[in-house]
């Protein structure tokens, strides 16, 4: 059985996620597509945003042929905060509220210290950090009105390992862990839980372009477990954290890295 088949087999079902209203950022491909698929399989009502229109529309068509709610896609560049506010308002109207926000979108383009300019710094922070806060801000009123909600931010193992050529990505991802702790404190009394998932190296088409087969073998060797982490493995943690089973989990990081540290 392949890693992908193992990750998808025997998925847990969370009755509390049925008909929950979920927004996913960067949901068109890779980990994001695994998240959308996972929540749809739980019977949740999912809206997602991405800049990749072809991949996103193909995902909607594939999942829309199943028995769950058909996911809703909106094209959105998350660095455009004016557009973010409008699209999030539309999605919340379409879903008639929101129960779960999955802040997944990011971009891990490689860069050296010498290549960083002030403009590139701002652009990388906008791509990898700023929109998580404003997406959370956009959903908080609906969650406060319901006296419940779950926000799941995505960090990265990369800065814990101090990987090369990712200084701005790692700076943003380190900040996300601080943001998660702060939001959990400020929103907890309104019944809103905020956690972070820290993925290891997940086998997606994007990640495979950075690694040779030899490089992937080195990753597996560095893990405690054999095999490659799949998007469904990350989705499994997100589903738990979004469900009522995690009702007393907030303000913490949850690692899915096969022990790669």
C-alpha atoms as a PDB file:
ATOM      1  CA  UNK A   1       0.000   0.000   0.000  1.00  0.00           C
ATOM      2  CA  UNK A   2       1.387   3.424  -0.963  1.00  0.00           C
ATOM      3  CA  UNK A   3       1.925   6.290   1.500  1.00  0.00           C
ATOM      4  CA  UNK A   4      -1.065   8.096  -0.035  1.00  0.00           C
ATOM      5  CA  UNK A   5      -3.334   5.054   0.340  1.00  0.00           C
ATOM      6  CA  UNK A   6      -2.200   4.476   3.925  1.00  0.00           C
ATOM      7  CA  UNK A   7      -2.891   8.104   4.839  1.00  0.00           C
ATOM      8  CA  UNK A   8      -6.425   8.019   3.414  1.00  0.00           C
ATOM      9  CA  UNK A   9      -7.400   4.571   4.692  1.00  0.00           C
ATOM     10  CA  UNK A  10      -9.674   4.291   7.710  1.00  0.00           C
ATOM     11  CA  UNK A  11     -10.139   8.028   8.192  1.00  0.00           C
ATOM     12  CA  UNK A  12     -11.741   8.923  11.534  1.00  0.00           C
ATOM     13  CA  UNK A  13     -15.237  10.429  11.409  1.00  0.00           C
ATOM     14  CA  UNK A  14     -16.132  13.402  13.603  1.00  0.00           C
ATOM     15  CA  UNK A  15     -19.913  13.831  13.932  1.00  0.00           C
ATOM     16  CA  UNK A  16     -19.348  17.370  15.242  1.00  0.00           C
ATOM     17  CA  UNK A  17     -17.901  18.422  11.862  1.00  0.00           C
ATOM     18  CA  UNK A  18     -21.015  17.534   9.859  1.00  0.00           C
ATOM     19  CA  UNK A  19     -22.468  20.715   8.347  1.00  0.00           C
ATOM     20  CA  UNK A  20     -19.799  22.854  10.044  1.00  0.00           C
ATOM     21  CA  UNK A  21     -18.918  25.932   8.008  1.00  0.00           C
ATOM     22  CA  UNK A  22     -15.226  25.860   7.099  1.00  0.00           C
ATOM     23  CA  UNK A  23     -12.975  28.306   5.252  1.00  0.00           C
ATOM     24  CA  UNK A  24      -9.593  27.109   3.954  1.00  0.00           C
ATOM     25  CA  UNK A  25      -6.906  29.383   2.498  1.00  0.00           C
ATOM     26  CA  UNK A  26      -4.651  28.014  -0.234  1.00  0.00           C
ATOM     27  CA  UNK A  27      -7.053  25.126  -0.754  1.00  0.00           C
ATOM     28  CA  UNK A  28      -6.508  24.441  -4.441  1.00  0.00           C
ATOM     29  CA  UNK A  29      -3.568  22.048  -4.383  1.00  0.00           C
ATOM     30  CA  UNK A  30      -1.060  20.230  -2.194  1.00  0.00           C
ATOM     31  CA  UNK A  31      -1.777  20.282   1.535  1.00  0.00           C
ATOM     32  CA  UNK A  32      -4.658  22.686   0.968  1.00  0.00           C
ATOM     33  CA  UNK A  33      -6.452  20.308  -1.381  1.00  0.00           C
ATOM     34  CA  UNK A  34      -6.011  17.551   1.194  1.00  0.00           C
ATOM     35  CA  UNK A  35      -7.628  19.816   3.792  1.00  0.00           C
ATOM     36  CA  UNK A  36     -10.594  20.639   1.556  1.00  0.00           C
ATOM     37  CA  UNK A  37     -11.061  16.977   0.697  1.00  0.00           C
ATOM     38  CA  UNK A  38     -10.845  15.960   4.345  1.00  0.00           C
ATOM     39  CA  UNK A  39     -13.490  18.414   5.526  1.00  0.00           C
ATOM     40  CA  UNK A  40     -15.823  17.617   2.615  1.00  0.00           C
ATOM     41  CA  UNK A  41     -15.537  13.924   3.506  1.00  0.00           C
ATOM     42  CA  UNK A  42     -16.693  14.806   7.032  1.00  0.00           C
ATOM     43  CA  UNK A  43     -19.853  16.387   5.648  1.00  0.00           C
ATOM     44  CA  UNK A  44     -18.679  19.937   6.340  1.00  0.00           C
ATOM     45  CA  UNK A  45     -19.628  22.895   4.176  1.00  0.00           C
ATOM     46  CA  UNK A  46     -16.343  24.194   2.772  1.00  0.00           C
ATOM     47  CA  UNK A  47     -15.364  27.407   1.025  1.00  0.00           C
ATOM     48  CA  UNK A  48     -11.759  27.897  -0.042  1.00  0.00           C
ATOM     49  CA  UNK A  49      -9.564  30.490  -1.702  1.00  0.00           C
ATOM     50  CA  UNK A  50      -6.506  30.189  -3.906  1.00  0.00           C
ATOM     51  CA  UNK A  51      -4.762  31.955  -6.787  1.00  0.00           C
ATOM     52  CA  UNK A  52      -4.506  28.712  -8.780  1.00  0.00           C
ATOM     53  CA  UNK A  53      -7.811  28.710 -10.657  1.00  0.00           C
ATOM     54  CA  UNK A  54      -7.378  25.603 -12.802  1.00  0.00           C
ATOM     55  CA  UNK A  55      -6.352  23.348  -9.916  1.00  0.00           C
ATOM     56  CA  UNK A  56      -9.086  24.771  -7.708  1.00  0.00           C
ATOM     57  CA  UNK A  57     -11.888  24.342 -10.211  1.00  0.00           C
ATOM     58  CA  UNK A  58     -10.738  20.804 -10.955  1.00  0.00           C
ATOM     59  CA  UNK A  59     -10.862  20.048  -7.219  1.00  0.00           C
ATOM     60  CA  UNK A  60     -14.407  21.422  -6.956  1.00  0.00           C
ATOM     61  CA  UNK A  61     -15.506  19.252  -9.864  1.00  0.00           C
ATOM     62  CA  UNK A  62     -13.877  16.142  -8.415  1.00  0.00           C
ATOM     63  CA  UNK A  63     -15.291  16.596  -4.918  1.00  0.00           C
ATOM     64  CA  UNK A  64     -18.615  17.910  -6.151  1.00  0.00           C
ATOM     65  CA  UNK A  65     -19.413  14.501  -7.624  1.00  0.00           C
ATOM     66  CA  UNK A  66     -19.406  12.870  -4.185  1.00  0.00           C
ATOM     67  CA  UNK A  67     -22.081  12.637  -1.507  1.00  0.00           C
ATOM     68  CA  UNK A  68     -20.943  15.621   0.572  1.00  0.00           C
ATOM     69  CA  UNK A  69     -21.557  19.329   0.189  1.00  0.00           C
ATOM     70  CA  UNK A  70     -20.031  20.756  -2.991  1.00  0.00           C
ATOM     71  CA  UNK A  71     -17.106  23.020  -2.004  1.00  0.00           C
ATOM     72  CA  UNK A  72     -17.164  26.688  -2.957  1.00  0.00           C
ATOM     73  CA  UNK A  73     -14.106  28.258  -4.609  1.00  0.00           C
ATOM     74  CA  UNK A  74     -13.178  31.937  -4.839  1.00  0.00           C
ATOM     75  CA  UNK A  75     -10.021  33.178  -6.515  1.00  0.00           C
ATOM     76  CA  UNK A  76      -8.150  35.427  -4.074  1.00  0.00           C
ATOM     77  CA  UNK A  77      -4.685  36.917  -3.813  1.00  0.00           C
ATOM     78  CA  UNK A  78      -4.335  37.006  -0.037  1.00  0.00           C
ATOM     79  CA  UNK A  79      -1.781  39.813  -0.201  1.00  0.00           C
ATOM     80  CA  UNK A  80      -4.604  42.133  -1.367  1.00  0.00           C
ATOM     81  CA  UNK A  81      -6.249  42.963   1.944  1.00  0.00           C
ATOM     82  CA  UNK A  82      -9.102  44.943   0.370  1.00  0.00           C
ATOM     83  CA  UNK A  83      -9.978  41.922  -1.751  1.00  0.00           C
ATOM     84  CA  UNK A  84      -9.525  39.610   1.239  1.00  0.00           C
ATOM     85  CA  UNK A  85     -12.131  41.486   3.238  1.00  0.00           C
ATOM     86  CA  UNK A  86     -14.648  41.383   0.420  1.00  0.00           C
ATOM     87  CA  UNK A  87     -14.156  37.717  -0.462  1.00  0.00           C
ATOM     88  CA  UNK A  88     -14.289  36.621   3.167  1.00  0.00           C
ATOM     89  CA  UNK A  89     -17.516  38.577   3.671  1.00  0.00           C
ATOM     90  CA  UNK A  90     -18.959  36.823   0.606  1.00  0.00           C
ATOM     91  CA  UNK A  91     -17.915  33.370   1.817  1.00  0.00           C
ATOM     92  CA  UNK A  92     -19.339  33.986   5.282  1.00  0.00           C
ATOM     93  CA  UNK A  93     -22.617  35.055   3.674  1.00  0.00           C
ATOM     94  CA  UNK A  94     -22.621  31.967   1.432  1.00  0.00           C
ATOM     95  CA  UNK A  95     -21.951  29.658   4.374  1.00  0.00           C
ATOM     96  CA  UNK A  96     -24.312  31.657   6.654  1.00  0.00           C
ATOM     97  CA  UNK A  97     -21.535  32.104   9.194  1.00  0.00           C
ATOM     98  CA  UNK A  98     -18.248  30.364   9.843  1.00  0.00           C
ATOM     99  CA  UNK A  99     -17.171  27.809  12.435  1.00  0.00           C
ATOM    100  CA  UNK A 100     -13.640  26.925  11.322  1.00  0.00           C
ATOM    101  CA  UNK A 101     -10.805  28.841   9.654  1.00  0.00           C
ATOM    102  CA  UNK A 102      -7.813  26.933   8.321  1.00  0.00           C
ATOM    103  CA  UNK A 103      -4.980  29.400   7.637  1.00  0.00           C
ATOM    104  CA  UNK A 104      -2.920  27.234   5.300  1.00  0.00           C
ATOM    105  CA  UNK A 105      -1.737  29.434   2.402  1.00  0.00           C
ATOM    106  CA  UNK A 106       2.002  30.146   2.140  1.00  0.00           C
ATOM    107  CA  UNK A 107       4.901  30.143  -0.302  1.00  0.00           C
ATOM    108  CA  UNK A 108       8.349  28.730   0.450  1.00  0.00           C
ATOM    109  CA  UNK A 109      10.368  30.085  -2.476  1.00  0.00           C
ATOM    110  CA  UNK A 110      14.089  29.839  -1.762  1.00  0.00           C
ATOM    111  CA  UNK A 111      16.264  32.942  -1.346  1.00  0.00           C
ATOM    112  CA  UNK A 112      19.662  33.937   0.032  1.00  0.00           C
ATOM    113  CA  UNK A 113      20.420  36.678   2.535  1.00  0.00           C
ATOM    114  CA  UNK A 114      22.038  38.755  -0.229  1.00  0.00           C
ATOM    115  CA  UNK A 115      18.927  38.619  -2.409  1.00  0.00           C
ATOM    116  CA  UNK A 116      16.605  40.181   0.173  1.00  0.00           C
ATOM    117  CA  UNK A 117      15.559  43.770  -0.495  1.00  0.00           C
ATOM    118  CA  UNK A 118      13.090  45.821   1.577  1.00  0.00           C
ATOM    119  CA  UNK A 119      10.462  45.264  -1.111  1.00  0.00           C
ATOM    120  CA  UNK A 120      11.054  41.497  -1.153  1.00  0.00           C
ATOM    121  CA  UNK A 121      10.914  41.424   2.652  1.00  0.00           C
ATOM    122  CA  UNK A 122       7.489  43.089   2.599  1.00  0.00           C
ATOM    123  CA  UNK A 123       6.235  40.811  -0.166  1.00  0.00           C
ATOM    124  CA  UNK A 124       7.329  37.638   1.664  1.00  0.00           C
ATOM    125  CA  UNK A 125       5.753  38.784   4.948  1.00  0.00           C
ATOM    126  CA  UNK A 126       2.535  39.583   3.081  1.00  0.00           C
ATOM    127  CA  UNK A 127       2.517  36.151   1.445  1.00  0.00           C
ATOM    128  CA  UNK A 128       3.424  34.131   4.527  1.00  0.00           C
ATOM    129  CA  UNK A 129       2.313  36.036   7.640  1.00  0.00           C
ATOM    130  CA  UNK A 130       0.112  39.120   7.321  1.00  0.00           C
ATOM    131  CA  UNK A 131      -2.955  37.511   5.751  1.00  0.00           C
ATOM    132  CA  UNK A 132      -3.277  34.948   8.564  1.00  0.00           C
ATOM    133  CA  UNK A 133      -4.079  37.716  11.024  1.00  0.00           C
ATOM    134  CA  UNK A 134      -6.527  39.514   8.764  1.00  0.00           C
ATOM    135  CA  UNK A 135      -8.269  36.271   7.799  1.00  0.00           C
ATOM    136  CA  UNK A 136      -8.693  35.537  11.507  1.00  0.00           C
ATOM    137  CA  UNK A 137      -9.937  39.071  12.108  1.00  0.00           C
ATOM    138  CA  UNK A 138     -12.527  38.592   9.339  1.00  0.00           C
ATOM    139  CA  UNK A 139     -14.048  35.448  10.878  1.00  0.00           C
ATOM    140  CA  UNK A 140     -13.954  36.475  14.533  1.00  0.00           C
ATOM    141  CA  UNK A 141     -17.268  38.423  14.569  1.00  0.00           C
ATOM    142  CA  UNK A 142     -19.223  35.386  13.341  1.00  0.00           C
ATOM    143  CA  UNK A 143     -17.428  33.094  15.779  1.00  0.00           C
ATOM    144  CA  UNK A 144     -18.005  35.470  18.682  1.00  0.00           C
ATOM    145  CA  UNK A 145     -21.699  35.629  17.813  1.00  0.00           C
ATOM    146  CA  UNK A 146     -21.802  31.808  17.986  1.00  0.00           C
ATOM    147  CA  UNK A 147     -19.660  31.741  21.152  1.00  0.00           C
ATOM    148  CA  UNK A 148     -17.549  29.070  19.468  1.00  0.00           C
ATOM    149  CA  UNK A 149     -15.019  28.595  16.708  1.00  0.00           C
ATOM    150  CA  UNK A 150     -11.714  27.025  15.760  1.00  0.00           C
ATOM    151  CA  UNK A 151      -8.807  28.680  13.983  1.00  0.00           C
ATOM    152  CA  UNK A 152      -5.930  26.495  12.806  1.00  0.00           C
ATOM    153  CA  UNK A 153      -2.773  28.265  11.638  1.00  0.00           C
ATOM    154  CA  UNK A 154      -0.016  26.533   9.705  1.00  0.00           C
ATOM    155  CA  UNK A 155       3.547  26.867  10.891  1.00  0.00           C
ATOM    156  CA  UNK A 156       6.545  24.976   9.559  1.00  0.00           C
ATOM    157  CA  UNK A 157       9.230  22.637  10.798  1.00  0.00           C
ATOM    158  CA  UNK A 158      11.733  24.557   8.662  1.00  0.00           C
ATOM    159  CA  UNK A 159      12.742  27.183  11.205  1.00  0.00           C
ATOM    160  CA  UNK A 160      13.018  24.591  13.982  1.00  0.00           C
ATOM    161  CA  UNK A 161      15.550  22.810  11.770  1.00  0.00           C
ATOM    162  CA  UNK A 162      17.210  26.061  10.566  1.00  0.00           C
ATOM    163  CA  UNK A 163      17.062  24.992   6.923  1.00  0.00           C
ATOM    164  CA  UNK A 164      19.108  26.972   4.408  1.00  0.00           C
ATOM    165  CA  UNK A 165      17.852  29.603   1.946  1.00  0.00           C
ATOM    166  CA  UNK A 166      14.502  30.172   3.666  1.00  0.00           C
ATOM    167  CA  UNK A 167      15.229  33.027   6.067  1.00  0.00           C
ATOM    168  CA  UNK A 168      12.121  35.113   5.322  1.00  0.00           C
ATOM    169  CA  UNK A 169       9.788  32.116   5.133  1.00  0.00           C
ATOM    170  CA  UNK A 170      11.182  30.869   8.443  1.00  0.00           C
ATOM    171  CA  UNK A 171      10.892  34.302  10.053  1.00  0.00           C
ATOM    172  CA  UNK A 172       7.220  34.428   9.077  1.00  0.00           C
ATOM    173  CA  UNK A 173       6.564  30.870  10.234  1.00  0.00           C
ATOM    174  CA  UNK A 174       8.201  31.519  13.598  1.00  0.00           C
ATOM    175  CA  UNK A 175       5.966  34.570  14.026  1.00  0.00           C
ATOM    176  CA  UNK A 176       2.870  32.481  13.301  1.00  0.00           C
ATOM    177  CA  UNK A 177       3.530  30.439  16.425  1.00  0.00           C
ATOM    178  CA  UNK A 178       3.579  33.645  18.480  1.00  0.00           C
ATOM    179  CA  UNK A 179       0.415  34.884  16.770  1.00  0.00           C
ATOM    180  CA  UNK A 180      -1.298  31.601  17.572  1.00  0.00           C
ATOM    181  CA  UNK A 181      -0.525  31.906  21.281  1.00  0.00           C
ATOM    182  CA  UNK A 182      -1.696  35.523  21.372  1.00  0.00           C
ATOM    183  CA  UNK A 183      -4.955  34.882  19.499  1.00  0.00           C
ATOM    184  CA  UNK A 184      -5.711  31.912  21.740  1.00  0.00           C
ATOM    185  CA  UNK A 185      -5.389  34.142  24.799  1.00  0.00           C
ATOM    186  CA  UNK A 186      -7.378  37.060  23.393  1.00  0.00           C
ATOM    187  CA  UNK A 187     -10.214  34.985  21.907  1.00  0.00           C
ATOM    188  CA  UNK A 188     -10.521  32.091  24.336  1.00  0.00           C
ATOM    189  CA  UNK A 189     -13.178  33.647  26.577  1.00  0.00           C
ATOM    190  CA  UNK A 190     -15.397  33.931  23.493  1.00  0.00           C
ATOM    191  CA  UNK A 191     -15.191  30.173  22.980  1.00  0.00           C
ATOM    192  CA  UNK A 192     -12.711  30.436  20.089  1.00  0.00           C
ATOM    193  CA  UNK A 193      -9.827  27.980  20.046  1.00  0.00           C
ATOM    194  CA  UNK A 194      -6.610  28.764  18.144  1.00  0.00           C
ATOM    195  CA  UNK A 195      -3.902  26.201  17.432  1.00  0.00           C
ATOM    196  CA  UNK A 196      -1.037  25.680  14.997  1.00  0.00           C
ATOM    197  CA  UNK A 197      -0.071  22.638  12.965  1.00  0.00           C
ATOM    198  CA  UNK A 198       3.650  22.189  12.320  1.00  0.00           C
ATOM    199  CA  UNK A 199       4.045  19.925   9.288  1.00  0.00           C
ATOM    200  CA  UNK A 200       7.230  18.116   8.435  1.00  0.00           C
ATOM    201  CA  UNK A 201       8.178  17.661   4.798  1.00  0.00           C
ATOM    202  CA  UNK A 202       4.944  16.729   3.036  1.00  0.00           C
ATOM    203  CA  UNK A 203       5.105  14.929  -0.301  1.00  0.00           C
ATOM    204  CA  UNK A 204       3.371  17.302  -2.714  1.00  0.00           C
ATOM    205  CA  UNK A 205       4.205  18.172  -6.334  1.00  0.00           C
ATOM    206  CA  UNK A 206       5.594  21.525  -5.168  1.00  0.00           C
ATOM    207  CA  UNK A 207       7.927  19.974  -2.599  1.00  0.00           C
ATOM    208  CA  UNK A 208       9.081  17.335  -5.034  1.00  0.00           C
ATOM    209  CA  UNK A 209      10.497  20.038  -7.294  1.00  0.00           C
ATOM    210  CA  UNK A 210      12.930  21.034  -4.531  1.00  0.00           C
ATOM    211  CA  UNK A 211      14.187  17.537  -3.723  1.00  0.00           C
ATOM    212  CA  UNK A 212      15.925  14.831  -5.741  1.00  0.00           C
ATOM    213  CA  UNK A 213      15.095  11.194  -4.946  1.00  0.00           C
ATOM    214  CA  UNK A 214      18.335  11.171  -2.936  1.00  0.00           C
ATOM    215  CA  UNK A 215      17.170  14.233  -1.001  1.00  0.00           C
ATOM    216  CA  UNK A 216      13.835  12.613  -0.234  1.00  0.00           C
ATOM    217  CA  UNK A 217      15.659   9.520   1.001  1.00  0.00           C
ATOM    218  CA  UNK A 218      17.683  11.743   3.349  1.00  0.00           C
ATOM    219  CA  UNK A 219      14.463  13.184   4.768  1.00  0.00           C
ATOM    220  CA  UNK A 220      13.080   9.723   5.500  1.00  0.00           C
ATOM    221  CA  UNK A 221      16.381   8.734   7.102  1.00  0.00           C
ATOM    222  CA  UNK A 222      16.151  11.789   9.396  1.00  0.00           C
ATOM    223  CA  UNK A 223      12.590  10.897  10.436  1.00  0.00           C
ATOM    224  CA  UNK A 224      11.796   8.439  13.214  1.00  0.00           C
ATOM    225  CA  UNK A 225       9.207   6.798  10.951  1.00  0.00           C
ATOM    226  CA  UNK A 226       9.597   5.372   7.474  1.00  0.00           C
ATOM    227  CA  UNK A 227       7.466   6.718   4.628  1.00  0.00           C
ATOM    228  CA  UNK A 228       6.605  10.162   3.318  1.00  0.00           C
ATOM    229  CA  UNK A 229       4.077  12.438   4.985  1.00  0.00           C
ATOM    230  CA  UNK A 230       0.969  12.955   2.823  1.00  0.00           C
ATOM    231  CA  UNK A 231      -1.549  15.837   2.713  1.00  0.00           C
ATOM    232  CA  UNK A 232      -4.121  13.486   4.257  1.00  0.00           C
ATOM    233  CA  UNK A 233      -1.854  13.069   7.300  1.00  0.00           C
ATOM    234  CA  UNK A 234      -1.895  16.823   7.841  1.00  0.00           C
ATOM    235  CA  UNK A 235      -5.642  16.969   7.224  1.00  0.00           C
ATOM    236  CA  UNK A 236      -6.168  14.322   9.895  1.00  0.00           C
ATOM    237  CA  UNK A 237      -4.686  16.649  12.521  1.00  0.00           C
ATOM    238  CA  UNK A 238      -6.674  19.635  11.231  1.00  0.00           C
ATOM    239  CA  UNK A 239      -9.911  17.644  11.398  1.00  0.00           C
ATOM    240  CA  UNK A 240      -9.241  16.717  15.009  1.00  0.00           C
ATOM    241  CA  UNK A 241      -8.361  20.281  16.035  1.00  0.00           C
ATOM    242  CA  UNK A 242     -11.486  21.633  14.321  1.00  0.00           C
ATOM    243  CA  UNK A 243     -13.760  19.053  15.933  1.00  0.00           C
ATOM    244  CA  UNK A 244     -15.465  19.129  19.314  1.00  0.00           C
ATOM    245  CA  UNK A 245     -13.139  16.307  20.373  1.00  0.00           C
ATOM    246  CA  UNK A 246     -10.455  19.004  20.712  1.00  0.00           C
ATOM    247  CA  UNK A 247     -12.702  21.311  22.755  1.00  0.00           C
ATOM    248  CA  UNK A 248     -10.029  21.897  25.423  1.00  0.00           C
ATOM    249  CA  UNK A 249      -7.078  22.222  23.032  1.00  0.00           C
ATOM    250  CA  UNK A 250      -5.900  25.759  22.349  1.00  0.00           C
ATOM    251  CA  UNK A 251      -2.779  27.871  22.182  1.00  0.00           C
ATOM    252  CA  UNK A 252      -0.416  25.078  21.198  1.00  0.00           C
ATOM    253  CA  UNK A 253       1.521  23.553  18.327  1.00  0.00           C
ATOM    254  CA  UNK A 254       0.692  20.105  16.998  1.00  0.00           C
ATOM    255  CA  UNK A 255       3.474  18.416  15.059  1.00  0.00           C
ATOM    256  CA  UNK A 256       2.968  16.061  12.107  1.00  0.00           C
ATOM    257  CA  UNK A 257       6.566  15.438  11.078  1.00  0.00           C
ATOM    258  CA  UNK A 258       7.209  11.681  11.439  1.00  0.00           C
ATOM    259  CA  UNK A 259       9.720  12.622  14.147  1.00  0.00           C
ATOM    260  CA  UNK A 260      11.934  14.673  11.798  1.00  0.00           C
ATOM    261  CA  UNK A 261      13.799  16.974  14.191  1.00  0.00           C
END
